[in-house]
Amino acid sequence: ESPKGTLWLFGSTVDDVMSGAVTLASFQAWRAAHGGNPPGTVGQDAVMYLTAEDAFVDIVFTDWGQMGPAGGRFSYTRAVVTLGVPAPGAAGPVIAVAAMALARRRRR
């Protein structure tokens, strides 16, 4: 299944995972998650789980186009997840993950 090392859930966000509203058991491989219709995912909230990193990413596909029998293109946005914000005047940096917008969660 491609993309390797990922599981997907459409119609939810990382907040849903962190609150316990959805569990890892709800996630599926890419092909099963989109139901054979990747273009149908455009505009839907989704969560991608990176199995090796035990991390979740909010993602929304904004465009999906077919370019012949063996190729295509897609666009997406990722959320910025703030991992820690110091109190006003406190020493220490604000840690924000923008490259992959990862939110970590320990398995139970």
PDB file of N, CA and C in Angstrom:
ATOM      1  N   GLU A   1       0.839  -1.189   0.000  1.00  0.00           N
ATOM      2  CA  GLU A   1       0.000   0.000   0.000  1.00  0.00           C
ATOM      3  C   GLU A   1       0.877   1.242   0.000  1.00  0.00           C
ATOM      4  N   SER A   2       0.529   2.167  -0.812  1.00  0.00           N
ATOM      5  CA  SER A   2       1.279   3.414  -0.903  1.00  0.00           C
ATOM      6  C   SER A   2       0.391   4.556  -0.413  1.00  0.00           C
ATOM      7  N   PRO A   3       0.883   5.555   0.205  1.00  0.00           N
ATOM      8  CA  PRO A   3       2.273   5.729   0.643  1.00  0.00           C
ATOM      9  C   PRO A   3       2.590   4.871   1.865  1.00  0.00           C
ATOM     10  N   LYS A   4       3.750   4.226   1.781  1.00  0.00           N
ATOM     11  CA  LYS A   4       4.165   3.310   2.853  1.00  0.00           C
ATOM     12  C   LYS A   4       4.356   4.073   4.159  1.00  0.00           C
ATOM     13  N   GLY A   5       4.074   3.380   5.248  1.00  0.00           N
ATOM     14  CA  GLY A   5       4.295   3.963   6.561  1.00  0.00           C
ATOM     15  C   GLY A   5       3.241   4.962   6.998  1.00  0.00           C
ATOM     16  N   THR A   6       2.079   4.948   6.314  1.00  0.00           N
ATOM     17  CA  THR A   6       1.006   5.865   6.690  1.00  0.00           C
ATOM     18  C   THR A   6      -0.315   5.120   6.831  1.00  0.00           C
ATOM     19  N   LEU A   7      -1.175   5.665   7.672  1.00  0.00           N
ATOM     20  CA  LEU A   7      -2.568   5.254   7.773  1.00  0.00           C
ATOM     21  C   LEU A   7      -3.389   6.532   7.724  1.00  0.00           C
ATOM     22  N   TRP A   8      -4.637   6.439   7.248  1.00  0.00           N
ATOM     23  CA  TRP A   8      -5.430   7.625   6.957  1.00  0.00           C
ATOM     24  C   TRP A   8      -6.816   7.550   7.572  1.00  0.00           C
ATOM     25  N   LEU A   9      -7.359   8.729   7.873  1.00  0.00           N
ATOM     26  CA  LEU A   9      -8.731   8.855   8.341  1.00  0.00           C
ATOM     27  C   LEU A   9      -9.298  10.153   7.789  1.00  0.00           C
ATOM     28  N   PHE A  10     -10.313  10.039   6.945  1.00  0.00           N
ATOM     29  CA  PHE A  10     -10.957  11.222   6.372  1.00  0.00           C
ATOM     30  C   PHE A  10     -12.163  11.602   7.215  1.00  0.00           C
ATOM     31  N   GLY A  11     -12.395  12.905   7.350  1.00  0.00           N
ATOM     32  CA  GLY A  11     -13.540  13.411   8.096  1.00  0.00           C
ATOM     33  C   GLY A  11     -13.235  13.720   9.548  1.00  0.00           C
ATOM     34  N   SER A  12     -11.971  13.702   9.931  1.00  0.00           N
ATOM     35  CA  SER A  12     -11.578  14.000  11.305  1.00  0.00           C
ATOM     36  C   SER A  12     -10.332  14.879  11.303  1.00  0.00           C
ATOM     37  N   THR A  13      -9.946  15.338  12.495  1.00  0.00           N
ATOM     38  CA  THR A  13      -8.730  16.132  12.656  1.00  0.00           C
ATOM     39  C   THR A  13      -7.895  15.542  13.786  1.00  0.00           C
ATOM     40  N   VAL A  14      -6.679  16.055  13.942  1.00  0.00           N
ATOM     41  CA  VAL A  14      -5.817  15.600  15.028  1.00  0.00           C
ATOM     42  C   VAL A  14      -6.497  15.866  16.377  1.00  0.00           C
ATOM     43  N   ASP A  15      -7.258  16.960  16.487  1.00  0.00           N
ATOM     44  CA  ASP A  15      -7.984  17.234  17.727  1.00  0.00           C
ATOM     45  C   ASP A  15      -8.911  16.078  18.084  1.00  0.00           C
ATOM     46  N   ASP A  16      -9.555  15.476  17.088  1.00  0.00           N
ATOM     47  CA  ASP A  16     -10.440  14.330  17.330  1.00  0.00           C
ATOM     48  C   ASP A  16      -9.658  13.141  17.890  1.00  0.00           C
ATOM     49  N   VAL A  17      -8.439  12.961  17.406  1.00  0.00           N
ATOM     50  CA  VAL A  17      -7.591  11.868  17.883  1.00  0.00           C
ATOM     51  C   VAL A  17      -7.141  12.161  19.314  1.00  0.00           C
ATOM     52  N   MET A  18      -6.659  13.381  19.550  1.00  0.00           N
ATOM     53  CA  MET A  18      -6.140  13.738  20.859  1.00  0.00           C
ATOM     54  C   MET A  18      -7.231  13.723  21.933  1.00  0.00           C
ATOM     55  N   SER A  19      -8.464  14.038  21.561  1.00  0.00           N
ATOM     56  CA  SER A  19      -9.562  14.037  22.524  1.00  0.00           C
ATOM     57  C   SER A  19     -10.104  12.632  22.779  1.00  0.00           C
ATOM     58  N   GLY A  20      -9.711  11.674  21.927  1.00  0.00           N
ATOM     59  CA  GLY A  20     -10.203  10.310  22.070  1.00  0.00           C
ATOM     60  C   GLY A  20     -11.491  10.054  21.303  1.00  0.00           C
ATOM     61  N   ALA A  21     -11.978  11.060  20.559  1.00  0.00           N
ATOM     62  CA  ALA A  21     -13.205  10.884  19.780  1.00  0.00           C
ATOM     63  C   ALA A  21     -13.031   9.819  18.703  1.00  0.00           C
ATOM     64  N   VAL A  22     -11.811   9.660  18.184  1.00  0.00           N
ATOM     65  CA  VAL A  22     -11.492   8.582  17.246  1.00  0.00           C
ATOM     66  C   VAL A  22     -10.217   7.904  17.733  1.00  0.00           C
ATOM     67  N   THR A  23     -10.068   6.636  17.399  1.00  0.00           N
ATOM     68  CA  THR A  23      -8.890   5.885  17.817  1.00  0.00           C
ATOM     69  C   THR A  23      -8.123   5.404  16.593  1.00  0.00           C
ATOM     70  N   LEU A  24      -6.952   4.910  16.835  1.00  0.00           N
ATOM     71  CA  LEU A  24      -6.113   4.395  15.752  1.00  0.00           C
ATOM     72  C   LEU A  24      -6.802   3.266  15.008  1.00  0.00           C
ATOM     73  N   ALA A  25      -7.699   2.554  15.669  1.00  0.00           N
ATOM     74  CA  ALA A  25      -8.437   1.471  15.016  1.00  0.00           C
ATOM     75  C   ALA A  25      -9.312   1.984  13.874  1.00  0.00           C
ATOM     76  N   SER A  26      -9.621   3.276  13.864  1.00  0.00           N
ATOM     77  CA  SER A  26     -10.439   3.868  12.803  1.00  0.00           C
ATOM     78  C   SER A  26      -9.645   4.163  11.535  1.00  0.00           C
ATOM     79  N   PHE A  27      -8.320   4.147  11.607  1.00  0.00           N
ATOM     80  CA  PHE A  27      -7.467   4.496  10.476  1.00  0.00           C
ATOM     81  C   PHE A  27      -7.336   3.318   9.517  1.00  0.00           C
ATOM     82  N   GLN A  28      -7.123   3.639   8.235  1.00  0.00           N
ATOM     83  CA  GLN A  28      -6.990   2.614   7.192  1.00  0.00           C
ATOM     84  C   GLN A  28      -5.820   2.947   6.275  1.00  0.00           C
ATOM     85  N   ALA A  29      -5.415   1.956   5.500  1.00  0.00           N
ATOM     86  CA  ALA A  29      -4.435   2.192   4.443  1.00  0.00           C
ATOM     87  C   ALA A  29      -5.037   3.175   3.443  1.00  0.00           C
ATOM     88  N   TRP A  30      -4.190   3.868   2.718  1.00  0.00           N
ATOM     89  CA  TRP A  30      -4.605   4.917   1.786  1.00  0.00           C
ATOM     90  C   TRP A  30      -5.739   4.482   0.865  1.00  0.00           C
ATOM     91  N   ARG A  31      -5.562   3.374   0.159  1.00  0.00           N
ATOM     92  CA  ARG A  31      -6.547   2.929  -0.834  1.00  0.00           C
ATOM     93  C   ARG A  31      -7.919   2.683  -0.213  1.00  0.00           C
ATOM     94  N   ALA A  32      -7.940   2.041   0.934  1.00  0.00           N
ATOM     95  CA  ALA A  32      -9.212   1.779   1.610  1.00  0.00           C
ATOM     96  C   ALA A  32      -9.824   3.067   2.148  1.00  0.00           C
ATOM     97  N   ALA A  33      -8.993   3.971   2.640  1.00  0.00           N
ATOM     98  CA  ALA A  33      -9.492   5.211   3.247  1.00  0.00           C
ATOM     99  C   ALA A  33     -10.194   6.108   2.238  1.00  0.00           C
ATOM    100  N   HIS A  34      -9.678   6.193   1.009  1.00  0.00           N
ATOM    101  CA  HIS A  34     -10.322   7.075   0.031  1.00  0.00           C
ATOM    102  C   HIS A  34     -11.382   6.352  -0.793  1.00  0.00           C
ATOM    103  N   GLY A  35     -11.561   5.069  -0.575  1.00  0.00           N
ATOM    104  CA  GLY A  35     -12.637   4.335  -1.226  1.00  0.00           C
ATOM    105  C   GLY A  35     -12.553   4.279  -2.731  1.00  0.00           C
ATOM    106  N   GLY A  36     -11.339   4.315  -3.288  1.00  0.00           N
ATOM    107  CA  GLY A  36     -11.171   4.244  -4.737  1.00  0.00           C
ATOM    108  C   GLY A  36     -11.429   5.563  -5.453  1.00  0.00           C
ATOM    109  N   ASN A  37     -11.537   6.653  -4.686  1.00  0.00           N
ATOM    110  CA  ASN A  37     -11.840   7.950  -5.290  1.00  0.00           C
ATOM    111  C   ASN A  37     -10.979   9.044  -4.666  1.00  0.00           C
ATOM    112  N   PRO A  38      -9.668   9.067  -4.974  1.00  0.00           N
ATOM    113  CA  PRO A  38      -8.820  10.112  -4.396  1.00  0.00           C
ATOM    114  C   PRO A  38      -9.319  11.532  -4.673  1.00  0.00           C
ATOM    115  N   PRO A  39      -9.818  11.848  -5.891  1.00  0.00           N
ATOM    116  CA  PRO A  39     -10.310  13.208  -6.105  1.00  0.00           C
ATOM    117  C   PRO A  39     -11.477  13.579  -5.179  1.00  0.00           C
ATOM    118  N   GLY A  40     -12.205  12.574  -4.699  1.00  0.00           N
ATOM    119  CA  GLY A  40     -13.315  12.835  -3.786  1.00  0.00           C
ATOM    120  C   GLY A  40     -12.873  13.288  -2.404  1.00  0.00           C
ATOM    121  N   THR A  41     -11.568  13.243  -2.125  1.00  0.00           N
ATOM    122  CA  THR A  41     -11.060  13.681  -0.827  1.00  0.00           C
ATOM    123  C   THR A  41     -10.814  15.186  -0.773  1.00  0.00           C
ATOM    124  N   VAL A  42     -10.872  15.857  -1.912  1.00  0.00           N
ATOM    125  CA  VAL A  42     -10.603  17.301  -1.950  1.00  0.00           C
ATOM    126  C   VAL A  42     -11.586  18.034  -1.037  1.00  0.00           C
ATOM    127  N   GLY A  43     -11.028  18.869  -0.173  1.00  0.00           N
ATOM    128  CA  GLY A  43     -11.828  19.682   0.731  1.00  0.00           C
ATOM    129  C   GLY A  43     -12.208  19.010   2.040  1.00  0.00           C
ATOM    130  N   GLN A  44     -11.891  17.726   2.204  1.00  0.00           N
ATOM    131  CA  GLN A  44     -12.225  17.018   3.437  1.00  0.00           C
ATOM    132  C   GLN A  44     -11.096  17.133   4.457  1.00  0.00           C
ATOM    133  N   ASP A  45     -11.447  17.338   5.721  1.00  0.00           N
ATOM    134  CA  ASP A  45     -10.448  17.227   6.783  1.00  0.00           C
ATOM    135  C   ASP A  45      -9.969  15.790   6.805  1.00  0.00           C
ATOM    136  N   ALA A  46      -8.682  15.609   7.054  1.00  0.00           N
ATOM    137  CA  ALA A  46      -8.118  14.266   7.146  1.00  0.00           C
ATOM    138  C   ALA A  46      -6.982  14.262   8.147  1.00  0.00           C
ATOM    139  N   VAL A  47      -6.695  13.073   8.644  1.00  0.00           N
ATOM    140  CA  VAL A  47      -5.541  12.867   9.509  1.00  0.00           C
ATOM    141  C   VAL A  47      -4.694  11.777   8.873  1.00  0.00           C
ATOM    142  N   MET A  48      -3.396  12.051   8.754  1.00  0.00           N
ATOM    143  CA  MET A  48      -2.445  11.059   8.289  1.00  0.00           C
ATOM    144  C   MET A  48      -1.629  10.627   9.513  1.00  0.00           C
ATOM    145  N   TYR A  49      -1.546   9.333   9.741  1.00  0.00           N
ATOM    146  CA  TYR A  49      -0.747   8.790  10.846  1.00  0.00           C
ATOM    147  C   TYR A  49       0.549   8.262  10.273  1.00  0.00           C
ATOM    148  N   LEU A  50       1.671   8.752  10.778  1.00  0.00           N
ATOM    149  CA  LEU A  50       2.994   8.294  10.354  1.00  0.00           C
ATOM    150  C   LEU A  50       3.418   7.203  11.326  1.00  0.00           C
ATOM    151  N   THR A  51       3.397   5.958  10.858  1.00  0.00           N
ATOM    152  CA  THR A  51       3.576   4.820  11.750  1.00  0.00           C
ATOM    153  C   THR A  51       4.957   4.784  12.406  1.00  0.00           C
ATOM    154  N   ALA A  52       6.007   5.054  11.676  1.00  0.00           N
ATOM    155  CA  ALA A  52       7.364   4.972  12.235  1.00  0.00           C
ATOM    156  C   ALA A  52       7.606   6.047  13.294  1.00  0.00           C
ATOM    157  N   GLU A  53       6.968   7.205  13.130  1.00  0.00           N
ATOM    158  CA  GLU A  53       7.156   8.308  14.055  1.00  0.00           C
ATOM    159  C   GLU A  53       6.101   8.363  15.154  1.00  0.00           C
ATOM    160  N   ASP A  54       5.050   7.530  15.045  1.00  0.00           N
ATOM    161  CA  ASP A  54       3.921   7.572  15.972  1.00  0.00           C
ATOM    162  C   ASP A  54       3.409   9.006  16.068  1.00  0.00           C
ATOM    163  N   ALA A  55       3.146   9.615  14.893  1.00  0.00           N
ATOM    164  CA  ALA A  55       2.752  11.020  14.825  1.00  0.00           C
ATOM    165  C   ALA A  55       1.553  11.189  13.901  1.00  0.00           C
ATOM    166  N   PHE A  56       0.768  12.219  14.176  1.00  0.00           N
ATOM    167  CA  PHE A  56      -0.431  12.520  13.399  1.00  0.00           C
ATOM    168  C   PHE A  56      -0.287  13.880  12.732  1.00  0.00           C
ATOM    169  N   VAL A  57      -0.823  14.018  11.504  1.00  0.00           N
ATOM    170  CA  VAL A  57      -0.742  15.257  10.746  1.00  0.00           C
ATOM    171  C   VAL A  57      -2.133  15.614  10.239  1.00  0.00           C
ATOM    172  N   ASP A  58      -2.594  16.839  10.515  1.00  0.00           N
ATOM    173  CA  ASP A  58      -3.817  17.336   9.881  1.00  0.00           C
ATOM    174  C   ASP A  58      -3.487  17.677   8.436  1.00  0.00           C
ATOM    175  N   ILE A  59      -4.337  17.259   7.510  1.00  0.00           N
ATOM    176  CA  ILE A  59      -4.089  17.518   6.092  1.00  0.00           C
ATOM    177  C   ILE A  59      -5.424  17.685   5.370  1.00  0.00           C
ATOM    178  N   VAL A  60      -5.447  18.589   4.394  1.00  0.00           N
ATOM    179  CA  VAL A  60      -6.618  18.770   3.533  1.00  0.00           C
ATOM    180  C   VAL A  60      -6.113  18.857   2.099  1.00  0.00           C
ATOM    181  N   PHE A  61      -6.587  17.963   1.246  1.00  0.00           N
ATOM    182  CA  PHE A  61      -6.252  18.047  -0.174  1.00  0.00           C
ATOM    183  C   PHE A  61      -7.064  19.180  -0.778  1.00  0.00           C
ATOM    184  N   THR A  62      -6.394  20.053  -1.530  1.00  0.00           N
ATOM    185  CA  THR A  62      -7.067  21.209  -2.126  1.00  0.00           C
ATOM    186  C   THR A  62      -7.281  21.052  -3.624  1.00  0.00           C
ATOM    187  N   ASP A  63      -6.598  20.083  -4.231  1.00  0.00           N
ATOM    188  CA  ASP A  63      -6.744  19.843  -5.672  1.00  0.00           C
ATOM    189  C   ASP A  63      -6.261  18.434  -5.974  1.00  0.00           C
ATOM    190  N   TRP A  64      -6.911  17.795  -6.941  1.00  0.00           N
ATOM    191  CA  TRP A  64      -6.477  16.468  -7.382  1.00  0.00           C
ATOM    192  C   TRP A  64      -6.770  16.375  -8.861  1.00  0.00           C
ATOM    193  N   GLY A  65      -5.752  16.142  -9.668  1.00  0.00           N
ATOM    194  CA  GLY A  65      -5.951  16.064 -11.101  1.00  0.00           C
ATOM    195  C   GLY A  65      -5.317  14.829 -11.699  1.00  0.00           C
ATOM    196  N   GLN A  66      -5.959  14.274 -12.701  1.00  0.00           N
ATOM    197  CA  GLN A  66      -5.436  13.110 -13.403  1.00  0.00           C
ATOM    198  C   GLN A  66      -4.698  13.586 -14.642  1.00  0.00           C
ATOM    199  N   MET A  67      -3.545  12.973 -14.903  1.00  0.00           N
ATOM    200  CA  MET A  67      -2.742  13.342 -16.071  1.00  0.00           C
ATOM    201  C   MET A  67      -2.363  12.084 -16.826  1.00  0.00           C
ATOM    202  N   GLY A  68      -3.326  11.449 -17.445  1.00  0.00           N
ATOM    203  CA  GLY A  68      -3.049  10.231 -18.182  1.00  0.00           C
ATOM    204  C   GLY A  68      -3.183   9.002 -17.302  1.00  0.00           C
ATOM    205  N   PRO A  69      -2.918   7.826 -17.884  1.00  0.00           N
ATOM    206  CA  PRO A  69      -3.148   6.579 -17.165  1.00  0.00           C
ATOM    207  C   PRO A  69      -2.152   6.309 -16.034  1.00  0.00           C
ATOM    208  N   ALA A  70      -0.988   6.924 -16.054  1.00  0.00           N
ATOM    209  CA  ALA A  70       0.029   6.564 -15.073  1.00  0.00           C
ATOM    210  C   ALA A  70       0.474   7.727 -14.193  1.00  0.00           C
ATOM    211  N   GLY A  71      -0.267   8.809 -14.161  1.00  0.00           N
ATOM    212  CA  GLY A  71       0.214   9.925 -13.361  1.00  0.00           C
ATOM    213  C   GLY A  71      -0.882  10.868 -12.943  1.00  0.00           C
ATOM    214  N   GLY A  72      -0.501  11.823 -12.143  1.00  0.00           N
ATOM    215  CA  GLY A  72      -1.450  12.807 -11.664  1.00  0.00           C
ATOM    216  C   GLY A  72      -0.746  13.862 -10.851  1.00  0.00           C
ATOM    217  N   ARG A  73      -1.555  14.741 -10.262  1.00  0.00           N
ATOM    218  CA  ARG A  73      -1.009  15.790  -9.425  1.00  0.00           C
ATOM    219  C   ARG A  73      -1.988  16.038  -8.289  1.00  0.00           C
ATOM    220  N   PHE A  74      -1.486  16.584  -7.202  1.00  0.00           N
ATOM    221  CA  PHE A  74      -2.354  16.962  -6.098  1.00  0.00           C
ATOM    222  C   PHE A  74      -1.718  18.098  -5.327  1.00  0.00           C
ATOM    223  N   SER A  75      -2.554  18.840  -4.610  1.00  0.00           N
ATOM    224  CA  SER A  75      -2.116  19.912  -3.726  1.00  0.00           C
ATOM    225  C   SER A  75      -2.773  19.682  -2.379  1.00  0.00           C
ATOM    226  N   TYR A  76      -2.138  20.163  -1.340  1.00  0.00           N
ATOM    227  CA  TYR A  76      -2.698  19.984  -0.007  1.00  0.00           C
ATOM    228  C   TYR A  76      -2.194  21.082   0.919  1.00  0.00           C
ATOM    229  N   THR A  77      -2.864  21.226   2.057  1.00  0.00           N
ATOM    230  CA  THR A  77      -2.404  22.104   3.126  1.00  0.00           C
ATOM    231  C   THR A  77      -2.252  21.258   4.382  1.00  0.00           C
ATOM    232  N   ARG A  78      -1.347  21.699   5.240  1.00  0.00           N
ATOM    233  CA  ARG A  78      -1.141  21.045   6.528  1.00  0.00           C
ATOM    234  C   ARG A  78      -1.341  22.095   7.609  1.00  0.00           C
ATOM    235  N   ALA A  79      -1.839  21.663   8.748  1.00  0.00           N
ATOM    236  CA  ALA A  79      -2.024  22.576   9.866  1.00  0.00           C
ATOM    237  C   ALA A  79      -0.702  22.783  10.595  1.00  0.00           C
ATOM    238  N   VAL A  80      -0.551  23.947  11.199  1.00  0.00           N
ATOM    239  CA  VAL A  80       0.578  24.201  12.088  1.00  0.00           C
ATOM    240  C   VAL A  80       0.110  23.851  13.493  1.00  0.00           C
ATOM    241  N   VAL A  81       0.824  22.945  14.134  1.00  0.00           N
ATOM    242  CA  VAL A  81       0.473  22.508  15.483  1.00  0.00           C
ATOM    243  C   VAL A  81       1.496  23.084  16.444  1.00  0.00           C
ATOM    244  N   THR A  82       1.043  23.863  17.405  1.00  0.00           N
ATOM    245  CA  THR A  82       1.943  24.430  18.403  1.00  0.00           C
ATOM    246  C   THR A  82       2.111  23.423  19.524  1.00  0.00           C
ATOM    247  N   LEU A  83       3.363  23.040  19.776  1.00  0.00           N
ATOM    248  CA  LEU A  83       3.639  22.029  20.781  1.00  0.00           C
ATOM    249  C   LEU A  83       3.867  22.622  22.165  1.00  0.00           C
ATOM    250  N   GLY A  84       4.305  23.851  22.248  1.00  0.00           N
ATOM    251  CA  GLY A  84       4.534  24.462  23.548  1.00  0.00           C
ATOM    252  C   GLY A  84       4.640  25.960  23.413  1.00  0.00           C
ATOM    253  N   VAL A  85       3.985  26.687  24.290  1.00  0.00           N
ATOM    254  CA  VAL A  85       4.040  28.142  24.267  1.00  0.00           C
ATOM    255  C   VAL A  85       4.426  28.602  25.662  1.00  0.00           C
ATOM    256  N   PRO A  86       5.577  29.291  25.821  1.00  0.00           N
ATOM    257  CA  PRO A  86       5.973  29.744  27.146  1.00  0.00           C
ATOM    258  C   PRO A  86       5.076  30.875  27.634  1.00  0.00           C
ATOM    259  N   ALA A  87       4.991  31.016  28.939  1.00  0.00           N
ATOM    260  CA  ALA A  87       4.220  32.108  29.512  1.00  0.00           C
ATOM    261  C   ALA A  87       4.863  33.433  29.117  1.00  0.00           C
ATOM    262  N   PRO A  88       4.070  34.528  29.052  1.00  0.00           N
ATOM    263  CA  PRO A  88       4.642  35.832  28.699  1.00  0.00           C
ATOM    264  C   PRO A  88       5.815  36.175  29.610  1.00  0.00           C
ATOM    265  N   GLY A  89       6.922  36.574  29.014  1.00  0.00           N
ATOM    266  CA  GLY A  89       8.104  36.951  29.766  1.00  0.00           C
ATOM    267  C   GLY A  89       8.976  35.781  30.186  1.00  0.00           C
ATOM    268  N   ALA A  90       8.520  34.557  29.969  1.00  0.00           N
ATOM    269  CA  ALA A  90       9.313  33.387  30.357  1.00  0.00           C
ATOM    270  C   ALA A  90      10.400  33.137  29.337  1.00  0.00           C
ATOM    271  N   ALA A  91      11.493  32.585  29.790  1.00  0.00           N
ATOM    272  CA  ALA A  91      12.579  32.241  28.886  1.00  0.00           C
ATOM    273  C   ALA A  91      12.204  30.987  28.122  1.00  0.00           C
ATOM    274  N   GLY A  92      12.760  30.832  26.953  1.00  0.00           N
ATOM    275  CA  GLY A  92      12.523  29.618  26.167  1.00  0.00           C
ATOM    276  C   GLY A  92      11.778  29.931  24.899  1.00  0.00           C
ATOM    277  N   PRO A  93      12.065  29.164  23.859  1.00  0.00           N
ATOM    278  CA  PRO A  93      11.437  29.414  22.558  1.00  0.00           C
ATOM    279  C   PRO A  93      10.037  28.823  22.466  1.00  0.00           C
ATOM    280  N   VAL A  94       9.285  29.367  21.570  1.00  0.00           N
ATOM    281  CA  VAL A  94       8.008  28.767  21.195  1.00  0.00           C
ATOM    282  C   VAL A  94       8.329  27.688  20.190  1.00  0.00           C
ATOM    283  N   ILE A  95       7.839  26.485  20.435  1.00  0.00           N
ATOM    284  CA  ILE A  95       8.121  25.367  19.533  1.00  0.00           C
ATOM    285  C   ILE A  95       6.914  25.157  18.644  1.00  0.00           C
ATOM    286  N   ALA A  96       7.071  25.398  17.362  1.00  0.00           N
ATOM    287  CA  ALA A  96       5.992  25.155  16.409  1.00  0.00           C
ATOM    288  C   ALA A  96       6.539  24.284  15.298  1.00  0.00           C
ATOM    289  N   VAL A  97       5.787  23.311  14.895  1.00  0.00           N
ATOM    290  CA  VAL A  97       6.207  22.423  13.828  1.00  0.00           C
ATOM    291  C   VAL A  97       5.455  22.833  12.582  1.00  0.00           C
ATOM    292  N   ALA A  98       6.160  23.411  11.605  1.00  0.00           N
ATOM    293  CA  ALA A  98       5.521  23.845  10.381  1.00  0.00           C
ATOM    294  C   ALA A  98       5.839  22.912   9.226  1.00  0.00           C
ATOM    295  N   ALA A  99       7.007  22.284   9.226  1.00  0.00           N
ATOM    296  CA  ALA A  99       7.399  21.446   8.105  1.00  0.00           C
ATOM    297  C   ALA A  99       6.440  20.290   7.896  1.00  0.00           C
ATOM    298  N   MET A 100       6.083  19.579   8.938  1.00  0.00           N
ATOM    299  CA  MET A 100       5.145  18.473   8.810  1.00  0.00           C
ATOM    300  C   MET A 100       3.958  18.604   9.746  1.00  0.00           C
ATOM    301  N   ALA A 101       3.961  19.630  10.589  1.00  0.00           N
ATOM    302  CA  ALA A 101       2.864  19.868  11.532  1.00  0.00           C
ATOM    303  C   ALA A 101       2.491  18.583  12.271  1.00  0.00           C
ATOM    304  N   LEU A 102       3.423  18.087  13.028  1.00  0.00           N
ATOM    305  CA  LEU A 102       3.244  16.806  13.709  1.00  0.00           C
ATOM    306  C   LEU A 102       2.699  17.005  15.113  1.00  0.00           C
ATOM    307  N   ALA A 103       1.769  16.197  15.479  1.00  0.00           N
ATOM    308  CA  ALA A 103       1.287  16.157  16.855  1.00  0.00           C
ATOM    309  C   ALA A 103       1.575  14.753  17.384  1.00  0.00           C
ATOM    310  N   ARG A 104       2.283  14.668  18.464  1.00  0.00           N
ATOM    311  CA  ARG A 104       2.693  13.360  18.991  1.00  0.00           C
ATOM    312  C   ARG A 104       1.665  12.826  19.983  1.00  0.00           C
ATOM    313  N   ARG A 105       1.558  11.537  19.990  1.00  0.00           N
ATOM    314  CA  ARG A 105       0.651  10.874  20.931  1.00  0.00           C
ATOM    315  C   ARG A 105       1.238   9.511  21.278  1.00  0.00           C
ATOM    316  N   ARG A 106       1.323   9.197  22.515  1.00  0.00           N
ATOM    317  CA  ARG A 106       1.815   7.891  22.952  1.00  0.00           C
ATOM    318  C   ARG A 106       0.711   6.852  22.763  1.00  0.00           C
ATOM    319  N   ARG A 107       1.096   5.667  22.337  1.00  0.00           N
ATOM    320  CA  ARG A 107       0.129   4.566  22.217  1.00  0.00           C
ATOM    321  C   ARG A 107      -0.227   4.077  23.607  1.00  0.00           C
ATOM    322  N   ARG A 108      -1.470   3.690  23.777  1.00  0.00           N
ATOM    323  CA  ARG A 108      -1.906   3.167  25.078  1.00  0.00           C
ATOM    324  C   ARG A 108      -1.940   1.675  25.044  1.00  0.00           C
TER     325      ARG A 108
END
